[in-house]
């Protein structure tokens, strides 16, 4: 993650929902015009995460990265 997400989260005071996908490249590899069939895509969605205004944007970014890695 880049620090911009922490900055936006800090100033906008909104919850963040993380979405992690895997398997998309197997379905539509770079340079292909048509998708491959019979492949599986996995999507994991986190619960909304609300951050304390006392955290700095950099700390928020680090926490988002930790939560994303846990997905």
C-alpha atoms as a PDB file:
ATOM      1  CA  UNK A   1       0.000   0.000   0.000  1.00  0.00           C
ATOM      2  CA  UNK A   2       1.068   3.572  -0.583  1.00  0.00           C
ATOM      3  CA  UNK A   3       0.637   6.213   2.114  1.00  0.00           C
ATOM      4  CA  UNK A   4      -2.102   7.971   0.145  1.00  0.00           C
ATOM      5  CA  UNK A   5      -4.684   5.435   1.342  1.00  0.00           C
ATOM      6  CA  UNK A   6      -3.779   6.250   4.941  1.00  0.00           C
ATOM      7  CA  UNK A   7      -4.034   9.961   4.230  1.00  0.00           C
ATOM      8  CA  UNK A   8      -7.472   9.608   2.615  1.00  0.00           C
ATOM      9  CA  UNK A   9      -8.731   7.371   5.393  1.00  0.00           C
ATOM     10  CA  UNK A  10      -7.449   9.748   8.063  1.00  0.00           C
ATOM     11  CA  UNK A  11      -9.001  12.872   6.563  1.00  0.00           C
ATOM     12  CA  UNK A  12     -12.265  11.421   5.273  1.00  0.00           C
ATOM     13  CA  UNK A  13     -12.966   9.416   8.449  1.00  0.00           C
ATOM     14  CA  UNK A  14     -14.677   6.582   6.572  1.00  0.00           C
ATOM     15  CA  UNK A  15     -14.477   2.812   7.096  1.00  0.00           C
ATOM     16  CA  UNK A  16     -12.333   0.828   4.664  1.00  0.00           C
ATOM     17  CA  UNK A  17     -13.354  -2.514   3.160  1.00  0.00           C
ATOM     18  CA  UNK A  18     -10.462  -4.571   1.808  1.00  0.00           C
ATOM     19  CA  UNK A  19     -11.022  -6.835  -1.208  1.00  0.00           C
ATOM     20  CA  UNK A  20      -8.473  -9.482  -2.191  1.00  0.00           C
ATOM     21  CA  UNK A  21      -8.810 -11.422  -5.432  1.00  0.00           C
ATOM     22  CA  UNK A  22      -6.827 -14.353  -6.779  1.00  0.00           C
ATOM     23  CA  UNK A  23      -7.065 -16.399  -9.942  1.00  0.00           C
ATOM     24  CA  UNK A  24      -7.977 -13.552 -12.286  1.00  0.00           C
ATOM     25  CA  UNK A  25      -4.729 -13.821 -14.234  1.00  0.00           C
ATOM     26  CA  UNK A  26      -5.466 -17.510 -14.914  1.00  0.00           C
ATOM     27  CA  UNK A  27      -8.779 -16.569 -16.515  1.00  0.00           C
ATOM     28  CA  UNK A  28      -7.571 -13.594 -18.529  1.00  0.00           C
ATOM     29  CA  UNK A  29      -3.781 -13.621 -18.995  1.00  0.00           C
ATOM     30  CA  UNK A  30      -2.081 -10.494 -20.280  1.00  0.00           C
ATOM     31  CA  UNK A  31      -2.290 -10.205 -24.054  1.00  0.00           C
ATOM     32  CA  UNK A  32      -5.225 -12.610 -24.472  1.00  0.00           C
ATOM     33  CA  UNK A  33      -8.463 -11.468 -26.089  1.00  0.00           C
ATOM     34  CA  UNK A  34     -10.728 -14.173 -24.716  1.00  0.00           C
ATOM     35  CA  UNK A  35     -10.994 -15.594 -21.196  1.00  0.00           C
ATOM     36  CA  UNK A  36     -10.191 -19.204 -20.336  1.00  0.00           C
ATOM     37  CA  UNK A  37     -13.085 -21.249 -19.014  1.00  0.00           C
ATOM     38  CA  UNK A  38     -13.046 -23.734 -16.151  1.00  0.00           C
ATOM     39  CA  UNK A  39     -10.839 -21.640 -13.880  1.00  0.00           C
ATOM     40  CA  UNK A  40     -11.719 -20.403 -10.399  1.00  0.00           C
ATOM     41  CA  UNK A  41     -11.574 -16.882  -9.002  1.00  0.00           C
ATOM     42  CA  UNK A  42     -11.395 -16.359  -5.238  1.00  0.00           C
ATOM     43  CA  UNK A  43     -12.622 -13.151  -3.660  1.00  0.00           C
ATOM     44  CA  UNK A  44     -12.152 -12.305   0.021  1.00  0.00           C
ATOM     45  CA  UNK A  45     -13.845  -9.256   1.526  1.00  0.00           C
ATOM     46  CA  UNK A  46     -13.001  -7.855   4.950  1.00  0.00           C
ATOM     47  CA  UNK A  47     -15.385  -6.371   7.452  1.00  0.00           C
ATOM     48  CA  UNK A  48     -15.382  -2.558   7.415  1.00  0.00           C
ATOM     49  CA  UNK A  49     -12.353  -1.220   9.279  1.00  0.00           C
ATOM     50  CA  UNK A  50     -12.689   2.117  11.081  1.00  0.00           C
ATOM     51  CA  UNK A  51      -9.537   3.851  12.307  1.00  0.00           C
ATOM     52  CA  UNK A  52      -8.941   6.116  15.269  1.00  0.00           C
ATOM     53  CA  UNK A  53      -8.201   9.739  14.306  1.00  0.00           C
ATOM     54  CA  UNK A  54      -5.202   9.621  16.638  1.00  0.00           C
ATOM     55  CA  UNK A  55      -3.345   7.322  14.217  1.00  0.00           C
ATOM     56  CA  UNK A  56      -1.151   8.962  11.617  1.00  0.00           C
ATOM     57  CA  UNK A  57      -1.729   8.246   7.913  1.00  0.00           C
ATOM     58  CA  UNK A  58       1.454   6.141   7.877  1.00  0.00           C
ATOM     59  CA  UNK A  59       0.237   4.040  10.822  1.00  0.00           C
ATOM     60  CA  UNK A  60      -3.132   3.567   9.107  1.00  0.00           C
ATOM     61  CA  UNK A  61      -1.368   2.413   5.941  1.00  0.00           C
ATOM     62  CA  UNK A  62       0.676  -0.128   7.922  1.00  0.00           C
ATOM     63  CA  UNK A  63      -2.451  -1.450   9.659  1.00  0.00           C
ATOM     64  CA  UNK A  64      -4.279  -1.788   6.330  1.00  0.00           C
ATOM     65  CA  UNK A  65      -1.326  -3.723   4.917  1.00  0.00           C
ATOM     66  CA  UNK A  66      -1.311  -6.080   7.936  1.00  0.00           C
ATOM     67  CA  UNK A  67      -5.061  -6.662   7.600  1.00  0.00           C
ATOM     68  CA  UNK A  68      -4.744  -7.274   3.867  1.00  0.00           C
ATOM     69  CA  UNK A  69      -2.014  -9.876   4.419  1.00  0.00           C
ATOM     70  CA  UNK A  70      -4.319 -11.710   6.862  1.00  0.00           C
ATOM     71  CA  UNK A  71      -7.080 -12.022   4.239  1.00  0.00           C
END
